[in-house]
C-alpha atoms as a PDB file:
ATOM      1  CA  UNK A   1      17.463  -9.771  -1.241  1.00  0.00           C
ATOM      2  CA  UNK A   2      17.821  -6.156  -2.328  1.00  0.00           C
ATOM      3  CA  UNK A   3      21.230  -4.646  -1.851  1.00  0.00           C
ATOM      4  CA  UNK A   4      21.245  -1.807   0.392  1.00  0.00           C
ATOM      5  CA  UNK A   5      22.159   1.616  -1.227  1.00  0.00           C
ATOM      6  CA  UNK A   6      25.085   3.458   1.006  1.00  0.00           C
ATOM      7  CA  UNK A   7      25.773   5.746  -1.392  1.00  0.00           C
ATOM      8  CA  UNK A   8      22.132   7.401  -1.682  1.00  0.00           C
ATOM      9  CA  UNK A   9      22.251   7.614   2.210  1.00  0.00           C
ATOM     10  CA  UNK A  10      25.489   9.095   2.217  1.00  0.00           C
ATOM     11  CA  UNK A  11      24.171  11.765  -0.043  1.00  0.00           C
ATOM     12  CA  UNK A  12      21.120  12.353   1.504  1.00  0.00           C
ATOM     13  CA  UNK A  13      23.288  12.929   4.730  1.00  0.00           C
ATOM     14  CA  UNK A  14      25.092  15.468   3.050  1.00  0.00           C
ATOM     15  CA  UNK A  15      22.654  17.217   1.366  1.00  0.00           C
ATOM     16  CA  UNK A  16      20.730  17.684   5.291  1.00  0.00           C
ATOM     17  CA  UNK A  17      24.346  18.832   6.342  1.00  0.00           C
ATOM     18  CA  UNK A  18      24.653  21.592   3.563  1.00  0.00           C
ATOM     19  CA  UNK A  19      21.020  22.921   4.163  1.00  0.00           C
ATOM     20  CA  UNK A  20      21.872  23.049   7.946  1.00  0.00           C
ATOM     21  CA  UNK A  21      25.121  24.879   7.541  1.00  0.00           C
ATOM     22  CA  UNK A  22      23.527  26.936   4.662  1.00  0.00           C
ATOM     23  CA  UNK A  23      20.322  27.520   7.421  1.00  0.00           C
ATOM     24  CA  UNK A  24      23.482  28.435   9.940  1.00  0.00           C
ATOM     25  CA  UNK A  25      24.878  31.130   7.828  1.00  0.00           C
ATOM     26  CA  UNK A  26      22.038  32.802   6.834  1.00  0.00           C
ATOM     27  CA  UNK A  27      20.832  33.247  10.492  1.00  0.00           C
ATOM     28  CA  UNK A  28      24.268  34.572  11.846  1.00  0.00           C
ATOM     29  CA  UNK A  29      23.944  36.927   8.446  1.00  0.00           C
ATOM     30  CA  UNK A  30      20.199  38.166   9.310  1.00  0.00           C
ATOM     31  CA  UNK A  31      21.490  38.958  13.093  1.00  0.00           C
ATOM     32  CA  UNK A  32      24.437  40.399  11.840  1.00  0.00           C
ATOM     33  CA  UNK A  33      22.769  42.616   9.566  1.00  0.00           C
ATOM     34  CA  UNK A  34      20.063  43.797  12.156  1.00  0.00           C
ATOM     35  CA  UNK A  35      22.752  44.588  14.597  1.00  0.00           C
ATOM     36  CA  UNK A  36      23.675  46.971  12.595  1.00  0.00           C
ATOM     37  CA  UNK A  37      21.709  48.546  10.198  1.00  0.00           C
ATOM     38  CA  UNK A  38      23.531  51.863   9.930  1.00  0.00           C
ATOM     39  CA  UNK A  39      26.949  50.109   8.560  1.00  0.00           C
ATOM     40  CA  UNK A  40      28.303  49.580  12.669  1.00  0.00           C
ATOM     41  CA  UNK A  41      32.099  49.904  11.914  1.00  0.00           C
ATOM     42  CA  UNK A  42      33.528  50.883   8.792  1.00  0.00           C
ATOM     43  CA  UNK A  43      36.305  48.245   6.990  1.00  0.00           C
ATOM     44  CA  UNK A  44      39.292  48.709   8.499  1.00  0.00           C
ATOM     45  CA  UNK A  45      41.590  51.137   5.316  1.00  0.00           C
ATOM     46  CA  UNK A  46      44.223  49.295   3.775  1.00  0.00           C
ATOM     47  CA  UNK A  47      46.135  52.271   3.188  1.00  0.00           C
END
Protein backbone atom coordinates (compact mmCIF):
# COMPACT_ATOMS: atom_id res chain seq x y z
CA UNK A 1 0.00 0.00 0.00
CA UNK A 2 1.24 3.49 -0.83
CA UNK A 3 2.39 5.78 1.95
CA UNK A 4 0.47 9.05 2.33
CA UNK A 5 2.58 12.12 1.64
CA UNK A 6 1.36 14.50 4.34
CA UNK A 7 4.10 17.04 3.66
CA UNK A 8 2.76 17.51 0.12
CA UNK A 9 -0.75 18.11 1.44
CA UNK A 10 0.58 20.54 4.03
CA UNK A 11 2.51 22.44 1.37
CA UNK A 12 -0.60 22.68 -0.80
CA UNK A 13 -2.61 24.05 2.15
CA UNK A 14 0.13 26.59 2.90
CA UNK A 15 0.21 27.73 -0.73
CA UNK A 16 -3.58 28.09 -0.77
CA UNK A 17 -3.49 30.17 2.43
CA UNK A 18 -0.73 32.36 1.04
CA UNK A 19 -2.64 32.91 -2.20
CA UNK A 20 -5.80 33.87 -0.32
CA UNK A 21 -3.87 36.24 1.95
CA UNK A 22 -2.23 37.97 -1.03
CA UNK A 23 -5.60 38.28 -2.79
CA UNK A 24 -7.12 39.82 0.33
CA UNK A 25 -4.24 42.31 0.65
CA UNK A 26 -4.53 43.24 -3.04
CA UNK A 27 -8.28 43.77 -2.63
CA UNK A 28 -7.72 45.99 0.41
CA UNK A 29 -4.99 47.91 -1.42
CA UNK A 30 -7.18 48.54 -4.46
CA UNK A 31 -10.12 49.59 -2.28
CA UNK A 32 -7.89 52.00 -0.38
CA UNK A 33 -6.49 53.43 -3.62
CA UNK A 34 -9.92 54.00 -5.13
CA UNK A 35 -11.23 55.56 -1.90
CA UNK A 36 -8.56 58.28 -1.96
CA UNK A 37 -7.39 58.90 -5.55
CA UNK A 38 -6.13 62.41 -4.73
CA UNK A 39 -3.94 61.21 -1.91
CA UNK A 40 -6.51 61.59 0.85
CA UNK A 41 -4.95 62.46 4.16
CA UNK A 42 -1.33 63.60 4.06
CA UNK A 43 1.07 61.42 6.02
CA UNK A 44 1.71 62.53 9.59
CA UNK A 45 4.82 64.66 9.90
CA UNK A 46 7.51 63.39 12.25
CA UNK A 47 8.93 66.81 13.12
